[in-house]
Amino acid sequence: MKKVSLSGSLREGVGKKDAKSLRNQGLVPAVLYGGDQQFHFSVPRLQLEKLIFTPDVFQIELTVGDKTFTTILKDIQFHPVSDAVVHADFLELFTDKAVKVGLPLRIEGNAIGVINGGKLNIQFRKLDVLGLPGELPEDIVVNIEKLRIGQSIRVGEIEVPNCTILNDPKAVAVMVKAARGAAVGSDDEGEEEEATEEAENAES
């Protein structure tokens, strides 16, 4: 995963009044857990938003007071009306302890089916992966060059070295759907019926 650094300040109080005061100062209340003890702290909202509003997933070197922890963002709470970030949960990472992370799915190549007029349909923007922190990649790359109209790639066909994908292996991750006026080349004709059946099964 990509690595970034973030600094926080220990909180003097943990009540609602204290949290509201922090937010008024442009800070976000946060908690770090997963280790020997929990830490309640705050982080600058603008710095935190740079890690949230992006498809990337980061391993965060979090410094709170005089201590530094290797972490990931585990959960974010938003205000129900304004969508402002109101709280953040960080999970401490350990080199020998597997962690569940949602990694972005990145598509590589131009599908034959898309070139022939089909429409690319991506069912997952992220896949849940279990692995040791040092084994987790920045993203999951799926090559779609060989996909013809009506064909798909299922989760079970995707590999992440040294990690386990937790999503349903039968679920369709990406497919090329038929579109009006799409051309089917001569080398596709023998596969057209099978591909159409696969697409119908994927949507059922």
Protein backbone atom coordinates (compact mmCIF):
# COMPACT_ATOMS: atom_id res chain seq x y z
CA MET A 1 0.00 0.00 0.00
CA LYS A 2 0.96 3.62 -0.39
CA LYS A 3 2.42 5.16 2.74
CA VAL A 4 1.70 8.61 4.21
CA SER A 5 2.32 10.38 7.49
CA LEU A 6 -0.25 12.05 9.72
CA SER A 7 0.08 13.83 13.05
CA GLY A 8 -2.55 14.05 15.78
CA SER A 9 -2.93 15.54 19.24
CA LEU A 10 -4.10 13.68 22.33
CA ARG A 11 -7.55 14.74 23.51
CA GLU A 12 -7.98 16.17 26.98
CA GLY A 13 -11.63 15.09 27.09
CA VAL A 14 -13.80 12.59 25.23
CA GLY A 15 -17.31 14.00 25.71
CA LYS A 16 -19.71 15.49 23.14
CA LYS A 17 -18.87 19.03 24.22
CA ASP A 18 -15.16 18.42 23.70
CA ALA A 19 -15.80 16.82 20.29
CA LYS A 20 -17.93 19.77 19.16
CA SER A 21 -15.21 22.20 20.24
CA LEU A 22 -12.61 20.28 18.23
CA ARG A 23 -14.77 20.30 15.10
CA ASN A 24 -15.26 24.05 15.43
CA GLN A 25 -11.45 24.35 15.33
CA GLY A 26 -11.20 22.36 12.11
CA LEU A 27 -10.20 19.15 13.89
CA VAL A 28 -11.73 15.66 13.74
CA PRO A 29 -12.04 13.50 16.87
CA ALA A 30 -10.47 10.08 16.33
CA VAL A 31 -9.59 6.86 18.10
CA LEU A 32 -6.76 4.38 17.58
CA TYR A 33 -7.35 0.74 18.55
CA GLY A 34 -5.99 -2.72 17.82
CA GLY A 35 -2.96 -2.51 20.10
CA ASP A 36 -2.49 -2.77 23.84
CA GLN A 37 -4.63 0.28 24.51
CA GLN A 38 -6.87 2.81 22.82
CA PHE A 39 -5.85 6.40 22.18
CA HIS A 40 -8.31 9.25 21.76
CA PHE A 41 -6.91 12.10 19.73
CA SER A 42 -7.75 14.62 17.02
CA VAL A 43 -6.39 15.25 13.52
CA PRO A 44 -6.68 18.25 11.17
CA ARG A 45 -9.81 17.86 9.04
CA LEU A 46 -8.16 19.05 5.81
CA GLN A 47 -5.29 16.56 6.14
CA LEU A 48 -7.70 13.73 6.90
CA GLU A 49 -9.93 14.54 3.94
CA LYS A 50 -6.96 14.10 1.59
CA LEU A 51 -6.85 10.44 2.67
CA ILE A 52 -10.60 9.92 2.50
CA PHE A 53 -11.77 11.49 -0.75
CA THR A 54 -9.59 9.36 -3.01
CA PRO A 55 -9.85 5.80 -4.36
CA ASP A 56 -6.41 5.00 -2.91
CA VAL A 57 -5.87 3.14 0.35
CA PHE A 58 -3.00 4.21 2.58
CA GLN A 59 -0.80 2.77 5.27
CA ILE A 60 -0.59 5.68 7.67
CA GLU A 61 2.35 6.44 9.94
CA LEU A 62 0.35 8.13 12.68
CA THR A 63 2.18 10.23 15.27
CA VAL A 64 0.27 11.06 18.45
CA GLY A 65 2.28 12.87 21.08
CA ASP A 66 5.68 11.22 21.27
CA LYS A 67 4.54 7.88 19.82
CA THR A 68 4.25 6.72 16.22
CA PHE A 69 1.98 3.89 15.06
CA THR A 70 1.55 2.09 11.75
CA THR A 71 -2.17 2.25 10.98
CA ILE A 72 -4.95 2.26 8.42
CA LEU A 73 -8.21 4.17 8.39
CA LYS A 74 -10.82 1.62 9.44
CA ASP A 75 -14.01 3.67 9.66
CA ILE A 76 -15.23 7.20 8.94
CA GLN A 77 -18.39 8.82 10.27
CA PHE A 78 -20.06 11.64 8.36
CA HIS A 79 -22.62 14.21 9.44
CA PRO A 80 -26.04 13.05 8.14
CA VAL A 81 -26.90 16.46 6.66
CA SER A 82 -23.66 18.23 5.75
CA ASP A 83 -21.60 15.08 4.98
CA ALA A 84 -18.73 16.63 6.96
CA VAL A 85 -16.30 14.17 8.57
CA VAL A 86 -17.19 13.98 12.28
CA HIS A 87 -15.13 11.01 13.53
CA ALA A 88 -12.40 8.64 12.38
CA ASP A 89 -11.31 5.18 13.56
CA PHE A 90 -7.71 4.06 13.00
CA LEU A 91 -6.54 0.45 13.33
CA GLU A 92 -2.98 -0.26 14.45
CA LEU A 93 -1.12 -2.67 12.15
CA PHE A 94 1.40 -5.34 13.05
CA THR A 95 3.77 -7.07 10.63
CA ASP A 96 2.69 -10.56 11.74
CA LYS A 97 -1.07 -9.95 11.97
CA ALA A 98 -3.34 -10.18 8.90
CA VAL A 99 -5.75 -7.32 8.32
CA LYS A 100 -8.88 -6.89 6.19
CA VAL A 101 -8.65 -4.00 3.73
CA GLY A 102 -10.79 -2.82 0.83
CA LEU A 103 -8.37 -2.41 -2.09
CA PRO A 104 -9.26 -0.51 -5.29
CA LEU A 105 -9.84 -2.53 -8.46
CA ARG A 106 -7.89 -1.14 -11.43
CA ILE A 107 -8.75 -2.14 -15.00
CA GLU A 108 -5.92 -2.66 -17.47
CA GLY A 109 -6.14 -2.96 -21.26
CA ASN A 110 -8.86 -2.45 -23.89
CA ALA A 111 -11.40 -5.25 -24.10
CA ILE A 112 -12.08 -6.77 -27.54
CA GLY A 113 -15.78 -6.55 -26.77
CA VAL A 114 -15.57 -2.82 -26.05
CA ILE A 115 -13.66 -2.24 -29.28
CA ASN A 116 -16.51 -4.04 -31.07
CA GLY A 117 -19.07 -1.71 -29.50
CA GLY A 118 -19.89 -3.40 -26.18
CA LYS A 119 -20.15 -1.56 -22.87
CA LEU A 120 -17.75 -2.18 -20.00
CA ASN A 121 -19.52 -2.73 -16.69
CA ILE A 122 -17.48 -2.68 -13.48
CA GLN A 123 -19.38 -4.24 -10.57
CA PHE A 124 -16.77 -3.61 -7.87
CA ARG A 125 -14.72 -0.48 -7.24
CA LYS A 126 -12.99 -2.23 -4.33
CA LEU A 127 -12.50 -5.81 -3.20
CA ASP A 128 -12.09 -6.91 0.43
CA VAL A 129 -8.70 -8.54 0.91
CA LEU A 130 -7.13 -10.28 3.91
CA GLY A 131 -3.35 -10.22 4.18
CA LEU A 132 -0.31 -9.17 6.15
CA PRO A 133 0.36 -5.42 5.95
CA GLY A 134 3.64 -5.95 4.09
CA GLU A 135 1.95 -8.15 1.47
CA LEU A 136 -0.95 -5.86 0.59
CA PRO A 137 -0.60 -4.17 -2.84
CA GLU A 138 -1.67 -0.62 -3.69
CA ASP A 139 -4.47 -1.93 -5.89
CA ILE A 140 -5.77 -5.04 -7.65
CA VAL A 141 -5.03 -5.03 -11.37
CA VAL A 142 -7.35 -6.91 -13.73
CA ASN A 143 -6.49 -7.23 -17.42
CA ILE A 144 -9.60 -7.19 -19.61
CA GLU A 145 -8.04 -7.30 -23.10
CA LYS A 146 -9.47 -10.74 -23.96
CA LEU A 147 -13.02 -10.02 -22.84
CA ARG A 148 -15.56 -10.32 -25.68
CA ILE A 149 -19.12 -9.09 -25.69
CA GLY A 150 -21.10 -10.95 -23.04
CA GLN A 151 -18.04 -12.29 -21.23
CA SER A 152 -17.03 -11.51 -17.67
CA ILE A 153 -14.35 -11.96 -15.04
CA ARG A 154 -15.53 -13.30 -11.71
CA VAL A 155 -13.97 -12.59 -8.34
CA GLY A 156 -12.70 -16.17 -8.07
CA GLU A 157 -10.60 -15.66 -11.23
CA ILE A 158 -8.70 -12.73 -9.70
CA GLU A 159 -5.50 -13.40 -7.78
CA VAL A 160 -3.73 -11.25 -5.22
CA PRO A 161 -0.38 -12.86 -4.31
CA ASN A 162 -0.09 -13.96 -0.67
CA CYS A 163 -3.54 -12.54 0.11
CA THR A 164 -7.12 -13.83 0.21
CA ILE A 165 -10.03 -12.08 -1.49
CA LEU A 166 -13.05 -12.24 0.80
CA ASN A 167 -15.82 -11.37 -1.66
CA ASP A 168 -18.04 -14.08 -3.15
CA PRO A 169 -15.85 -15.88 -5.74
CA LYS A 170 -18.89 -16.37 -7.99
CA ALA A 171 -19.68 -12.66 -8.13
CA VAL A 172 -18.98 -10.87 -11.40
CA ALA A 173 -16.25 -8.25 -10.98
CA VAL A 174 -16.26 -6.84 -14.52
CA MET A 175 -18.07 -7.71 -17.75
CA VAL A 176 -18.67 -6.45 -21.29
CA LYS A 177 -22.36 -6.06 -21.94
CA ALA A 178 -23.92 -6.06 -25.39
CA ALA A 179 -24.91 -2.66 -26.71
CA ARG A 180 -27.17 -1.72 -29.61
CA GLY A 181 -25.22 -1.82 -32.84
CA ALA A 182 -22.26 -3.67 -31.33
CA ALA A 183 -20.23 -5.57 -33.90
CA VAL A 184 -19.36 -9.22 -33.45
CA GLY A 185 -16.28 -10.29 -35.39
CA SER A 186 -16.08 -13.54 -37.34
CA ASP A 187 -13.96 -15.10 -34.63
CA ASP A 188 -16.72 -14.30 -32.12
CA GLU A 189 -19.57 -16.02 -33.93
CA GLY A 190 -18.92 -19.46 -32.49
CA GLU A 191 -18.82 -18.04 -28.97
CA GLU A 192 -21.75 -15.64 -29.24
CA GLU A 193 -24.41 -17.96 -27.85
CA GLU A 194 -22.23 -19.08 -24.93
CA ALA A 195 -21.19 -15.50 -24.12
CA THR A 196 -24.80 -14.30 -24.12
CA GLU A 197 -25.79 -17.08 -21.75
CA GLU A 198 -22.91 -16.16 -19.42
CA ALA A 199 -24.01 -12.53 -19.38
CA GLU A 200 -27.58 -13.48 -18.57
CA ASN A 201 -26.42 -15.73 -15.72
CA ALA A 202 -24.20 -12.96 -14.37
CA GLU A 203 -27.15 -10.56 -14.17
CA SER A 204 -29.51 -13.08 -12.55
